[in-house]
Amino acid sequence: DATTGARARLKLWLLVLALIVASVALPVVQLVVMKMLPFDNKSEFQVVLDMPVGTPVEETARVLREIGAHLSAVEEVTDWQAYAGTASPINFNGLVRQYYLRSAPEQGDVQVNLVDKAHRSRQSHEIAVSVREAVMEIGRRNGGNAKVVEVPPGPPVLSPIVAEIYGPDYAGQIEVARRVRAAFEGTADIVGVDDSVDEAAPKLLLRVDQAKAARLGVAQADIVEVVRLGLAGENVTPVHGGDNKYEIPVRIQLPSTRQSDVAHLLSMKVRARNGQLVAVGELVEVRETAREQVIYRKDLLPVVYVTGDMGGTLDSPLYGMFDIRSKVADLALDGAPGLAGTLGEWFIRPPPDPYAGYSIKWDGEWKVTYETFRDMGAAYAVGLILIYLLVVAQFKSYLVPLVIMAPIPLTIIGVMPGHAMFGAQFTATSMIGMIALAGIIVRNSILLVDFVNQQVREGVDFAEAVIRAAAVRAKPIGLTGLAAMIGAIFILDDPIFNGLALSLIFGVFVSTVLTLVVIPVLYFAAMRKRLAQLTGESE
């Protein structure tokens, strides 16, 4: 019955369309979380500590030891190394974050080593998350900022969430960055918030009174040398001993407990021309100024960075970035000298004219994710075009390849719900699985269509040929699909390629079942009035 068949096909198309829409909606309602790559199960992580500017290295080392003592109580931690006032050995993360420049006395980090992953039940990411709050609390309690940093599974970035502030005036950029940072800190599940603005810190400047030094016969170079000797010290002679392989230097300098007090420095003596010892404090003028602040630049433009990371259950910086964006989009800049209007916003490229007004450009994992999925989407499109051209060459038709490729969108009906069932994130490897599914599904469709054409050429009725195709080809199609699913099971527990496995398993299962229904029905609807074309191919 043509009328009944048309109604049944309409119901099938509506059902398939509803399933596709429901699957696409899963990331929107956050039942499937999208992320660049999940964290790998590494054997280490890092704690980065920033104390207030001017903090002595001894105080920084004390806080690092306190953090290390807490980490030592973690079952999976084997050992840790603390670096205060000096850069730790460069690692994958430090390439972009420039950790090799962290050599100020107020800067330090702790390298934490874990037992082998074969001897622990928790992954390194779970361990890092479990100690994050306690480590941050130790930093806050001592007036600093401590952040737990993990080795990224993909390309390293400055931070998972980065806001770049551009504008015509650097002081205005700092004020805008302060407001953006407040939005970061006021957003739920955003942790490790920091910025690139140096804290205001005093600096003492010793200026030599040249007239007085000249009257007393003291050379300015001698004054500078005495001050340098007190702060940096100097090797004056080696210790000579027959049992030493290398000479041991004798170094003279002020004790570290006195170096932080300018009074001890000013009490040091310098010899005048007449042999009299004169205190440095009588020859210099002490002026209190402010320390110079570092100005960061990107592509020759001054920029202020505000950084953060995503915690909580979602654990995907993309969602945290868009939560923050809801607070800073069109942010009013009134209330501070030199600021007016609203904050501009850019996602892909920096503002074309950064001096026209203050604006924010989002960076970090968002940029890497966008570029990765953009390029993979373009590769997916090119692959579909090539598949279409190959099928056109095979069947000598422009319509049949469209029918054959129609089930490709059906893969999403299996991929997205599969990720939701396992609570897995949709990552770049999941996208690779979807690209691979396109070829698998097209192969199944070609088997069905080619069997129908063969049956029609042998004189079988078209409707009967369509039914036979689904019945006869179901077993080989099902077995090849089962083989692909079994092969993917072996990478299901891999933290990186888990998404690839889920895409293959659920995508192959659902699309194979639906292909056996959709392709025969769709091919019948498309070709039942074009039987002459099939017959003509056999002549």
Protein backbone atom coordinates (compact mmCIF):
# COMPACT_ATOMS: atom_id res chain seq x y z
CA ASP A 1 0.00 0.00 0.00
CA ALA A 2 1.68 3.20 -1.16
CA THR A 3 -0.22 5.42 1.30
CA THR A 4 0.59 3.25 4.33
CA GLY A 5 4.20 2.94 3.23
CA ALA A 6 4.57 6.69 2.85
CA ARG A 7 3.20 7.25 6.35
CA ALA A 8 5.50 4.62 7.81
CA ARG A 9 8.53 6.19 6.11
CA LEU A 10 7.53 9.61 7.42
CA LYS A 11 7.33 8.24 10.96
CA LEU A 12 10.77 6.66 10.53
CA TRP A 13 12.32 9.92 9.30
CA LEU A 14 10.76 11.86 12.19
CA LEU A 15 12.02 9.28 14.70
CA VAL A 16 15.54 9.38 13.30
CA LEU A 17 15.51 13.19 13.25
CA ALA A 18 14.30 13.29 16.86
CA LEU A 19 17.08 10.92 17.94
CA ILE A 20 19.71 13.07 16.20
CA VAL A 21 18.39 16.27 17.83
CA ALA A 22 18.31 14.59 21.25
CA SER A 23 21.89 13.36 20.83
CA VAL A 24 23.15 16.78 19.75
CA ALA A 25 21.40 18.33 22.77
CA LEU A 26 23.37 16.20 25.25
CA PRO A 27 26.44 18.54 25.29
CA VAL A 28 24.10 21.54 25.62
CA VAL A 29 22.53 20.17 28.80
CA GLN A 30 26.03 19.09 29.97
CA LEU A 31 25.23 15.37 30.06
CA VAL A 32 28.22 15.06 27.74
CA VAL A 33 31.13 17.38 28.54
CA MET A 34 33.32 18.58 25.66
CA LYS A 35 37.04 18.95 26.21
CA MET A 36 40.23 19.02 24.17
CA LEU A 37 41.81 15.95 25.78
CA PRO A 38 41.29 14.20 29.12
CA PHE A 39 44.14 14.14 31.62
CA ASP A 40 46.57 11.30 31.13
CA ASN A 41 47.67 9.09 34.03
CA LYS A 42 51.09 10.63 34.64
CA SER A 43 53.66 9.84 37.32
CA GLU A 44 54.10 13.40 38.53
CA PHE A 45 52.51 16.78 39.10
CA GLN A 46 53.75 20.16 40.28
CA VAL A 47 52.89 22.81 42.86
CA VAL A 48 53.73 26.41 41.91
CA LEU A 49 54.05 28.94 44.75
CA ASP A 50 54.06 32.74 44.46
CA MET A 51 54.69 34.65 47.68
CA PRO A 52 54.36 38.45 48.07
CA VAL A 53 57.08 40.42 46.30
CA GLY A 54 60.08 40.88 48.55
CA THR A 55 59.56 37.71 50.56
CA PRO A 56 62.95 36.28 51.66
CA VAL A 57 63.90 33.00 50.07
CA GLU A 58 64.03 31.41 53.52
CA GLU A 59 60.33 32.14 54.07
CA THR A 60 59.51 30.78 50.62
CA ALA A 61 61.44 27.61 51.43
CA ARG A 62 59.57 27.24 54.73
CA VAL A 63 56.19 27.38 53.00
CA LEU A 64 57.40 24.88 50.41
CA ARG A 65 58.44 22.52 53.19
CA GLU A 66 54.99 22.86 54.75
CA ILE A 67 53.37 21.97 51.42
CA GLY A 68 55.77 19.07 51.01
CA ALA A 69 54.97 17.77 54.49
CA HIS A 70 51.29 17.67 53.60
CA LEU A 71 51.98 15.92 50.28
CA SER A 72 54.14 13.33 52.04
CA ALA A 73 51.05 12.10 53.85
CA VAL A 74 49.39 11.19 50.53
CA GLU A 75 49.59 7.45 50.02
CA GLU A 76 50.55 7.59 46.34
CA VAL A 77 53.38 10.15 46.74
CA THR A 78 56.85 8.62 46.77
CA ASP A 79 58.98 11.76 47.12
CA TRP A 80 59.06 15.48 46.37
CA GLN A 81 61.67 18.15 45.63
CA ALA A 82 61.30 21.82 46.52
CA TYR A 83 62.94 24.67 44.61
CA ALA A 84 62.94 28.08 46.33
CA GLY A 85 64.30 31.14 44.54
CA THR A 86 65.51 29.05 41.63
CA ALA A 87 63.92 27.41 38.63
CA SER A 88 63.19 23.71 38.71
CA PRO A 89 64.34 21.48 35.82
CA ILE A 90 62.38 22.40 32.71
CA ASN A 91 59.45 20.13 31.87
CA PHE A 92 56.75 19.91 29.21
CA ASN A 93 54.53 22.41 31.01
CA GLY A 94 57.31 24.92 31.54
CA LEU A 95 57.97 25.33 27.82
CA VAL A 96 55.00 27.68 27.39
CA ARG A 97 54.64 28.90 30.97
CA GLN A 98 58.32 29.90 31.10
CA TYR A 99 58.99 28.31 34.46
CA TYR A 100 62.73 28.52 33.76
CA LEU A 101 62.47 32.27 34.52
CA ARG A 102 61.10 31.69 38.03
CA SER A 103 64.22 32.63 39.98
CA ALA A 104 62.98 35.41 42.30
CA PRO A 105 63.22 34.81 46.08
CA GLU A 106 59.42 34.88 46.41
CA GLN A 107 58.93 32.16 43.78
CA GLY A 108 59.16 28.42 44.26
CA ASP A 109 57.68 25.12 43.20
CA VAL A 110 57.44 21.52 44.34
CA GLN A 111 57.95 18.59 41.98
CA VAL A 112 55.86 15.65 43.21
CA ASN A 113 56.59 12.09 42.10
CA LEU A 114 53.96 9.34 42.31
CA VAL A 115 54.23 5.58 42.49
CA ASP A 116 53.93 3.71 39.23
CA LYS A 117 50.39 3.67 37.85
CA ALA A 118 50.38 -0.11 38.00
CA HIS A 119 50.61 0.08 41.81
CA ARG A 120 47.87 2.64 42.50
CA SER A 121 44.14 2.69 41.96
CA ARG A 122 43.73 6.46 41.53
CA GLN A 123 44.84 8.32 38.44
CA SER A 124 47.24 11.25 38.76
CA HIS A 125 44.44 13.72 38.00
CA GLU A 126 42.34 12.38 40.89
CA ILE A 127 45.33 12.69 43.25
CA ALA A 128 46.06 16.25 42.12
CA VAL A 129 42.42 17.27 42.58
CA SER A 130 42.29 15.69 46.05
CA VAL A 131 45.26 17.73 47.35
CA ARG A 132 44.44 20.99 45.52
CA GLU A 133 42.28 22.63 48.19
CA ALA A 134 44.67 21.82 51.05
CA VAL A 135 47.68 23.09 49.09
CA MET A 136 45.87 26.31 48.17
CA GLU A 137 44.90 26.81 51.82
CA ILE A 138 48.54 26.50 52.92
CA GLY A 139 49.48 29.17 50.38
CA ARG A 140 46.67 31.51 51.48
CA ARG A 141 47.49 31.04 55.15
CA ASN A 142 51.06 32.20 54.53
CA GLY A 143 50.04 35.13 52.31
CA GLY A 144 50.91 33.46 49.01
CA ASN A 145 49.22 31.78 46.06
CA ALA A 146 49.81 28.05 45.58
CA LYS A 147 48.53 26.25 42.47
CA VAL A 148 48.52 22.56 41.60
CA VAL A 149 49.70 22.15 38.02
CA GLU A 150 49.41 18.92 36.04
CA VAL A 151 51.28 17.83 32.94
CA PRO A 152 48.90 18.51 30.03
CA PRO A 153 48.04 15.59 27.72
CA GLY A 154 48.08 17.86 24.68
CA PRO A 155 49.81 21.09 23.64
CA PRO A 156 50.78 23.11 26.73
CA VAL A 157 49.12 26.49 27.27
CA LEU A 158 49.76 29.37 29.64
CA SER A 159 46.76 28.21 31.69
CA PRO A 160 43.53 26.28 30.94
CA ILE A 161 41.56 29.55 31.07
CA VAL A 162 43.32 32.73 29.91
CA ALA A 163 41.91 36.23 29.48
CA GLU A 164 44.17 38.68 27.64
CA ILE A 165 43.43 42.35 28.39
CA TYR A 166 44.28 44.91 25.70
CA GLY A 167 43.80 48.66 25.77
CA PRO A 168 45.25 52.11 25.05
CA ASP A 169 46.78 52.60 28.53
CA TYR A 170 48.64 50.03 30.63
CA ALA A 171 47.37 51.41 33.92
CA GLY A 172 43.84 51.06 32.55
CA GLN A 173 44.60 47.49 31.47
CA ILE A 174 45.63 46.68 35.03
CA GLU A 175 42.36 48.10 36.39
CA VAL A 176 40.32 46.13 33.85
CA ALA A 177 42.32 43.00 34.74
CA ARG A 178 41.46 43.56 38.40
CA ARG A 179 37.74 43.55 37.55
CA VAL A 180 38.08 40.52 35.30
CA ARG A 181 39.94 38.69 38.05
CA ALA A 182 37.09 39.46 40.43
CA ALA A 183 34.75 37.81 37.91
CA PHE A 184 37.04 34.77 37.81
CA GLU A 185 37.07 34.50 41.60
CA GLY A 186 33.30 34.97 41.78
CA THR A 187 32.57 32.09 39.39
CA ALA A 188 31.86 28.67 40.87
CA ASP A 189 34.48 25.93 40.37
CA ILE A 190 37.15 28.34 39.06
CA VAL A 191 40.40 27.67 40.96
CA GLY A 192 44.00 28.82 40.81
CA VAL A 193 43.10 32.37 39.78
CA ASP A 194 46.10 34.60 39.14
CA ASP A 195 47.24 37.49 36.95
CA SER A 196 50.45 38.83 35.46
CA VAL A 197 50.40 42.11 37.42
CA ASP A 198 53.29 42.43 39.84
CA GLU A 199 52.36 43.52 43.34
CA ALA A 200 53.41 46.99 44.36
CA ALA A 201 56.51 46.63 46.53
CA PRO A 202 58.92 49.20 47.99
CA LYS A 203 62.54 49.50 46.94
CA LEU A 204 65.33 51.30 48.79
CA LEU A 205 67.67 53.33 46.62
CA LEU A 206 71.08 54.29 48.05
CA ARG A 207 72.32 57.47 46.41
CA VAL A 208 75.91 58.49 47.16
CA ASP A 209 76.42 62.00 48.52
CA GLN A 210 79.21 62.87 46.12
CA ALA A 211 80.20 66.14 47.84
CA LYS A 212 80.55 64.53 51.27
CA ALA A 213 82.37 61.52 49.91
CA ALA A 214 84.81 63.82 48.13
CA ARG A 215 85.47 65.83 51.31
CA LEU A 216 86.25 62.64 53.25
CA GLY A 217 88.31 61.23 50.43
CA VAL A 218 86.11 58.17 49.81
CA ALA A 219 85.78 56.93 46.25
CA GLN A 220 82.25 56.12 45.07
CA ALA A 221 83.51 52.79 43.70
CA ASP A 222 84.64 51.83 47.21
CA ILE A 223 81.17 52.53 48.62
CA VAL A 224 79.53 50.42 45.92
CA GLU A 225 82.04 47.61 46.53
CA VAL A 226 81.34 47.52 50.28
CA VAL A 227 77.57 47.39 49.73
CA ARG A 228 78.01 44.65 47.14
CA LEU A 229 80.24 42.73 49.54
CA GLY A 230 77.56 42.85 52.22
CA LEU A 231 74.73 41.70 49.96
CA ALA A 232 76.35 39.34 47.50
CA GLY A 233 79.59 38.47 49.29
CA GLU A 234 82.97 37.75 47.78
CA ASN A 235 85.46 34.90 47.77
CA VAL A 236 88.61 36.32 49.39
CA THR A 237 90.88 33.27 49.57
CA PRO A 238 90.79 29.51 49.19
CA VAL A 239 91.36 27.02 51.99
CA HIS A 240 94.50 25.10 51.23
CA GLY A 241 94.52 21.45 52.25
CA GLY A 242 96.21 18.38 50.92
CA ASP A 243 93.10 16.19 51.16
CA ASN A 244 90.85 18.40 49.05
CA LYS A 245 90.37 17.59 45.37
CA TYR A 246 89.03 21.11 44.68
CA GLU A 247 89.83 24.30 46.53
CA ILE A 248 87.29 25.46 49.13
CA PRO A 249 86.64 29.22 48.93
CA VAL A 250 86.41 31.47 51.96
CA ARG A 251 83.47 33.81 51.36
CA ILE A 252 82.77 37.03 53.27
CA GLN A 253 79.25 38.49 53.40
CA LEU A 254 76.65 39.62 55.88
CA PRO A 255 74.66 36.84 57.56
CA SER A 256 71.35 36.23 55.82
CA THR A 257 69.51 37.38 58.96
CA ARG A 258 71.12 40.84 58.60
CA GLN A 259 70.80 41.25 54.84
CA SER A 260 67.08 42.01 55.11
CA ASP A 261 67.74 44.94 57.48
CA VAL A 262 69.12 48.05 55.79
CA ALA A 263 70.49 49.34 59.13
CA HIS A 264 73.11 46.58 59.20
CA LEU A 265 74.08 47.41 55.64
CA LEU A 266 74.45 51.11 56.42
CA SER A 267 76.61 50.36 59.48
CA MET A 268 79.32 48.74 57.35
CA LYS A 269 82.55 50.74 57.15
CA VAL A 270 84.51 52.05 54.21
CA ARG A 271 88.07 53.37 54.55
CA ALA A 272 88.66 57.02 53.74
CA ARG A 273 91.83 58.48 52.18
CA ASN A 274 93.27 59.37 55.60
CA GLY A 275 92.74 55.84 56.87
CA GLN A 276 89.64 56.64 58.91
CA LEU A 277 86.71 54.18 58.75
CA VAL A 278 83.46 55.86 57.77
CA ALA A 279 80.01 54.24 58.00
CA VAL A 280 78.23 53.78 54.69
CA GLY A 281 75.16 55.47 56.19
CA GLU A 282 77.10 58.76 56.47
CA LEU A 283 77.92 58.74 52.78
CA VAL A 284 74.63 57.77 51.16
CA GLU A 285 71.08 59.04 51.10
CA VAL A 286 68.36 56.39 51.47
CA ARG A 287 65.37 56.95 49.22
CA GLU A 288 62.25 54.79 49.19
CA THR A 289 60.83 54.13 45.74
CA ALA A 290 58.62 51.50 44.14
CA ARG A 291 59.90 48.44 42.35
CA GLU A 292 59.61 48.35 38.59
CA GLN A 293 56.75 46.17 37.35
CA VAL A 294 57.13 43.78 34.46
CA ILE A 295 55.15 44.71 31.34
CA TYR A 296 54.19 41.63 29.34
CA ARG A 297 53.84 41.89 25.59
CA LYS A 298 52.31 39.63 22.97
CA ASP A 299 52.89 40.34 19.30
CA LEU A 300 54.56 43.59 20.40
CA LEU A 301 51.37 44.74 22.18
CA PRO A 302 51.25 45.32 25.95
CA VAL A 303 48.94 42.76 27.54
CA VAL A 304 47.79 41.78 31.02
CA TYR A 305 46.94 38.13 31.62
CA VAL A 306 44.28 36.79 33.97
CA THR A 307 44.47 33.02 34.37
CA GLY A 308 42.51 30.29 36.07
CA ASP A 309 41.65 26.61 36.02
CA MET A 310 38.43 24.62 36.15
CA GLY A 311 37.59 22.37 39.06
CA GLY A 312 34.32 20.80 40.15
CA THR A 313 32.46 17.97 38.47
CA LEU A 314 32.60 19.27 34.89
CA ASP A 315 36.39 19.71 34.90
CA SER A 316 36.33 21.28 31.43
CA PRO A 317 37.78 24.79 31.00
CA LEU A 318 35.38 25.54 28.14
CA TYR A 319 32.37 25.60 30.45
CA GLY A 320 34.22 27.64 33.05
CA MET A 321 35.25 30.17 30.41
CA PHE A 322 31.67 30.66 29.24
CA ASP A 323 30.47 30.98 32.85
CA ILE A 324 33.00 33.78 33.37
CA ARG A 325 32.05 35.32 30.05
CA SER A 326 28.46 35.76 31.23
CA LYS A 327 29.84 38.13 33.89
CA VAL A 328 32.31 40.14 31.82
CA ALA A 329 30.46 40.39 28.48
CA ASP A 330 29.75 44.09 27.84
CA LEU A 331 31.18 44.90 31.27
CA ALA A 332 30.75 48.59 32.10
CA LEU A 333 34.14 50.24 32.64
CA ASP A 334 32.96 53.38 34.44
CA GLY A 335 34.15 54.16 37.95
CA ALA A 336 37.90 54.52 37.40
CA PRO A 337 39.95 57.39 35.94
CA GLY A 338 40.44 57.04 32.22
CA LEU A 339 37.92 54.20 31.81
CA ALA A 340 34.66 54.53 29.93
CA GLY A 341 32.34 52.52 27.72
CA THR A 342 32.09 48.74 27.80
CA LEU A 343 34.59 45.91 27.56
CA GLY A 344 35.03 44.50 24.05
CA GLU A 345 35.31 40.75 23.56
CA TRP A 346 37.23 38.60 21.07
CA PHE A 347 37.55 34.83 20.77
CA ILE A 348 39.67 33.91 17.76
CA ARG A 349 41.92 36.89 17.05
CA PRO A 350 43.09 39.86 19.12
CA PRO A 351 41.28 43.16 18.57
CA PRO A 352 42.24 44.74 15.22
CA ASP A 353 42.79 48.11 16.90
CA PRO A 354 43.80 47.48 20.54
CA TYR A 355 44.17 51.21 21.18
CA ALA A 356 40.56 52.04 20.31
CA GLY A 357 39.30 50.78 23.66
CA TYR A 358 39.71 48.13 26.30
CA SER A 359 38.92 44.58 25.26
CA ILE A 360 39.36 40.98 26.35
CA LYS A 361 40.57 38.13 24.18
CA TRP A 362 40.00 34.55 25.38
CA ASP A 363 42.90 32.14 25.11
CA GLY A 364 44.19 28.98 26.76
CA GLU A 365 42.63 25.59 26.17
CA TRP A 366 39.72 27.27 24.37
CA LYS A 367 41.99 28.30 21.49
CA VAL A 368 43.61 24.86 21.18
CA THR A 369 40.19 23.17 21.30
CA TYR A 370 38.73 25.50 18.68
CA GLU A 371 41.64 25.06 16.29
CA THR A 372 41.70 21.28 16.76
CA PHE A 373 37.98 20.74 16.18
CA ARG A 374 37.98 23.28 13.33
CA ASP A 375 40.79 21.47 11.52
CA MET A 376 39.32 18.04 12.23
CA GLY A 377 35.92 19.22 11.03
CA ALA A 378 37.52 20.46 7.81
CA ALA A 379 39.26 17.10 7.42
CA TYR A 380 35.91 15.37 8.02
CA ALA A 381 34.29 17.47 5.28
CA VAL A 382 37.11 16.72 2.83
CA GLY A 383 36.76 13.02 3.63
CA LEU A 384 33.03 13.12 2.91
CA ILE A 385 33.63 14.84 -0.41
CA LEU A 386 36.19 12.21 -1.42
CA ILE A 387 33.84 9.39 -0.38
CA TYR A 388 31.06 10.98 -2.46
CA LEU A 389 33.30 11.23 -5.53
CA LEU A 390 34.42 7.63 -5.20
CA VAL A 391 30.83 6.37 -4.90
CA VAL A 392 29.76 8.52 -7.86
CA ALA A 393 32.49 6.88 -9.92
CA GLN A 394 31.34 3.44 -8.80
CA PHE A 395 27.57 3.77 -9.32
CA LYS A 396 27.57 6.34 -12.16
CA SER A 397 24.91 8.35 -10.32
CA TYR A 398 24.77 11.57 -8.32
CA LEU A 399 21.72 10.48 -6.30
CA VAL A 400 22.77 7.02 -5.15
CA PRO A 401 25.89 8.28 -3.27
CA LEU A 402 23.66 10.64 -1.28
CA VAL A 403 21.51 7.68 -0.26
CA ILE A 404 24.58 5.65 0.64
CA MET A 405 26.06 8.47 2.74
CA ALA A 406 22.77 9.37 4.45
CA PRO A 407 23.43 7.10 7.49
CA ILE A 408 26.65 8.96 8.37
CA PRO A 409 24.80 11.42 10.68
CA LEU A 410 23.28 8.40 12.43
CA THR A 411 26.62 7.74 14.12
CA ILE A 412 25.97 10.62 16.48
CA ILE A 413 22.92 8.76 17.84
CA GLY A 414 25.30 6.17 19.23
CA VAL A 415 28.35 8.32 19.99
CA MET A 416 26.80 10.97 22.25
CA PRO A 417 24.56 8.68 24.35
CA GLY A 418 27.51 6.27 24.68
CA HIS A 419 29.65 9.03 26.21
CA ALA A 420 26.76 10.02 28.48
CA MET A 421 26.29 6.42 29.71
CA PHE A 422 29.96 6.13 30.68
CA GLY A 423 30.24 9.68 32.02
CA ALA A 424 33.08 10.30 29.55
CA GLN A 425 34.12 13.58 27.99
CA PHE A 426 33.79 14.15 24.24
CA THR A 427 37.38 14.85 23.22
CA ALA A 428 39.52 15.11 20.11
CA THR A 429 39.96 11.33 20.09
CA SER A 430 36.16 10.97 20.11
CA MET A 431 36.08 13.14 16.98
CA ILE A 432 38.69 10.88 15.37
CA GLY A 433 36.38 7.94 16.06
CA MET A 434 33.48 9.71 14.32
CA ILE A 435 35.66 10.36 11.26
CA ALA A 436 36.58 6.67 11.15
CA LEU A 437 32.90 5.72 11.45
CA ALA A 438 32.09 7.49 8.19
CA GLY A 439 34.07 4.94 6.21
CA ILE A 440 32.61 1.99 8.11
CA ILE A 441 29.02 3.11 7.59
CA VAL A 442 29.51 3.85 3.89
CA ARG A 443 30.92 0.35 3.42
CA ASN A 444 27.75 -1.17 4.92
CA SER A 445 25.55 0.99 2.71
CA ILE A 446 27.48 0.01 -0.41
CA LEU A 447 27.00 -3.68 0.41
CA LEU A 448 23.23 -3.21 0.65
CA VAL A 449 22.83 -1.03 -2.44
CA ASP A 450 25.07 -3.20 -4.59
CA PHE A 451 23.12 -6.32 -3.58
CA VAL A 452 19.81 -4.62 -4.49
CA ASN A 453 21.19 -3.60 -7.90
CA GLN A 454 22.47 -7.12 -8.53
CA GLN A 455 19.09 -8.64 -7.67
CA VAL A 456 17.22 -6.20 -9.94
CA ARG A 457 19.53 -7.01 -12.84
CA GLU A 458 18.70 -10.69 -12.31
CA GLY A 459 15.00 -9.91 -12.73
CA VAL A 460 13.90 -9.82 -9.08
CA ASP A 461 11.17 -7.32 -8.22
CA PHE A 462 12.62 -4.10 -6.79
CA ALA A 463 10.66 -4.26 -3.52
CA GLU A 464 11.59 -7.92 -3.04
CA ALA A 465 15.24 -7.12 -3.79
CA VAL A 466 15.28 -4.43 -1.10
CA ILE A 467 13.86 -6.86 1.47
CA ARG A 468 16.33 -9.58 0.48
CA ALA A 469 19.25 -7.16 0.77
CA ALA A 470 18.45 -6.36 4.40
CA ALA A 471 17.91 -10.05 5.22
CA VAL A 472 20.90 -11.53 3.39
CA ARG A 473 23.45 -8.83 4.16
CA ALA A 474 22.47 -8.44 7.82
CA LYS A 475 24.75 -11.23 9.02
CA PRO A 476 28.04 -10.17 7.31
CA ILE A 477 27.38 -6.51 8.16
CA GLY A 478 26.66 -7.43 11.77
CA LEU A 479 29.77 -9.61 12.07
CA THR A 480 32.10 -6.94 10.66
CA GLY A 481 30.54 -4.37 12.98
CA LEU A 482 30.98 -6.74 15.94
CA ALA A 483 34.64 -7.24 15.03
CA ALA A 484 35.21 -3.48 15.02
CA MET A 485 33.48 -3.13 18.40
CA ILE A 486 35.53 -5.93 19.97
CA GLY A 487 38.74 -4.35 18.70
CA ALA A 488 37.83 -1.04 20.33
CA ILE A 489 37.17 -2.66 23.72
CA PHE A 490 40.91 -3.07 24.32
CA ILE A 491 41.49 0.71 24.47
CA LEU A 492 38.38 1.43 26.52
CA ASP A 493 40.33 1.86 29.77
CA ASP A 494 42.96 4.17 28.27
CA PRO A 495 42.49 7.70 29.68
CA ILE A 496 43.39 9.38 26.37
CA PHE A 497 41.83 7.03 23.80
CA ASN A 498 38.75 6.22 25.84
CA GLY A 499 36.72 8.61 23.65
CA LEU A 500 37.90 6.87 20.47
CA ALA A 501 36.80 3.50 21.86
CA LEU A 502 33.36 4.78 22.90
CA SER A 503 32.79 6.40 19.51
CA LEU A 504 33.65 3.20 17.69
CA ILE A 505 31.70 0.84 19.98
CA PHE A 506 28.45 2.77 20.25
CA GLY A 507 28.70 4.42 16.84
CA VAL A 508 29.18 1.11 15.05
CA PHE A 509 26.43 -0.61 17.06
CA VAL A 510 23.71 2.00 16.59
CA SER A 511 24.57 2.98 13.02
CA THR A 512 24.80 -0.66 11.91
CA VAL A 513 21.33 -1.41 13.29
CA LEU A 514 19.84 1.74 11.82
CA THR A 515 21.61 1.28 8.48
CA LEU A 516 19.87 -2.06 7.97
CA VAL A 517 16.56 -0.18 8.33
CA VAL A 518 17.26 3.28 6.89
CA ILE A 519 19.21 2.35 3.75
CA PRO A 520 16.66 -0.14 2.33
CA VAL A 521 13.77 2.22 3.05
CA LEU A 522 15.57 5.29 1.74
CA TYR A 523 16.86 3.51 -1.37
CA PHE A 524 13.37 2.19 -2.12
CA ALA A 525 11.86 5.67 -1.77
CA ALA A 526 14.56 7.26 -3.94
CA MET A 527 14.76 4.68 -6.72
CA ARG A 528 11.31 3.10 -7.03
CA LYS A 529 10.44 5.57 -9.81
CA ARG A 530 13.87 5.24 -11.43
CA LEU A 531 13.92 1.51 -12.13
CA ALA A 532 14.80 2.20 -15.75
CA GLN A 533 18.10 3.61 -14.54
CA LEU A 534 18.92 0.34 -12.76
CA THR A 535 17.86 -1.70 -15.77
CA GLY A 536 19.85 0.51 -18.05
CA GLU A 537 22.97 -0.14 -16.01
CA SER A 538 22.61 -3.87 -16.69
CA GLU A 539 22.40 -3.51 -20.42
